[in-house]
Amino acid sequence: MGTGCRKGRVAGLFRGLFWVKYSRRLMVVTVAVFATVIVAYLLRSDQLAVGDSTTVVPPTLQTEPPAKEWDTDPADKDAPEELVVHRPSERDIPDDILVTIEFPSGQLVDVVLHHFWPDEPPIKYNPRLVDMYNDLVVLAESGNGASARYLNQALRGCRNAFRDKPSKDAAIARLRSAGEITYPDGAEFPNQHVPVGRDIGEFIEVIEERFTNCEGVSDEQIAYAEYWRDEAIKAGDFLATRDYAAEIGVHTEAGFQIQKKLWDQGHISAVNGLGIAYRHGVPGENSGQPDYLKSYAYGYATFKLFEATARGSISPNTRNRLRSIEESLSNRGSYLTPQEQQAAIELAAEILEENKNCCLGVWNR
């Protein structure tokens, strides 16, 4: 049967260009097939330095808070369990799948693929952020990482939104007359012309949607977007932590340490992140120079894991992703001799076999 060992069952747990939405169903993050995901106490034992926000009091709306969708205060420790929605109810994918990964040498490594479902704010969605804001603040301040993450994403999105009707109408008029997509001052995107072949109507729809989302949100509240990111990370929210690592760069020292922590917890996406980090060069290792052998090893482990999760899939996106990983491996392998590639493949087997928490991820059947 080979030398592989069966690993124990795992327990645990891009922002889009225009908007990241919360819904009752699985939160979909558009940039990676490895939209992987959450360990509740990931960073509590050794928290990252993301700024001292313990004395900061976030702003609240100057209006009466909306009626709650619950009868119990969300900060109440005795709140009924059903208020905390960890997973949607509709499922067509089993939580755990045992797979055997075979390596060219014949070595077999058994891993449990634990399908992860992200935590979501335990609150009824409303397209108007102002109508959820105070409740989300209460939840986030009581340690709900998903609520803090949602505040961060929503408030960052509002930086790109026209929040008063005259400005919104002027932007739409400019779009219709000159084909120019404009953003408010302080936005994260530059003004640009509508790409050739694209329908102006879809951009008008985005402007209107942003306006609905962000009307009434203040500059002061938007300024706290990063505060809520830090709170989400402190609460151990995987998505906030992973996205922060991507934002600062997985090859930076802080980004690399985050990826290591995530992989220690068994998150599949971190394997790919570590491979990218070694390709760029990791501070304090190999004199900061690219380590193509380790990069290939983590890349190969990524390939074998994705191959395992994609078994039986007929999705074109899945096949394209697999092909993309193979192309990346080929590029990394071009820096190695055949002997070094073999050593990297052997290291890939060790990487998977030695992680007793492997593997948490998201995949399609």
Foldseek 3Di string as FASTA:
>chain_A
DADADAFDDFDAAAQDPQAQDDDQAFRDDPPDLFPFFFGQQLCQVPHDPLDDCPPPDADADPDDADDFPDPDQLLDPPPDPVLFDAHRPDDDDDQWDWDWFAFPVRHIYIYIEGEHGATAHSGDDDLACNNCVVSLVSNLVSLDLRSLLNLLRLLLSLQFADQDDVVLVVQLVCCVPPQKHPGDPRHPDHIDGDDPPDDSVVSNVSRVSSNRHYHPPDPSSSVCSSVSLSSSVNSRTIVSLLNVLVVVDCLEASSVVSLVSVVLLAELVSLLSNLVNLQQAHPPPPPRHRDLLQSLLSLVLSLSVLCRLCVPPPDPVSVVVSVVSVVVSVVSCVVDDPVSNVVSPVVNSVSSRVRSNHHTGHGDD
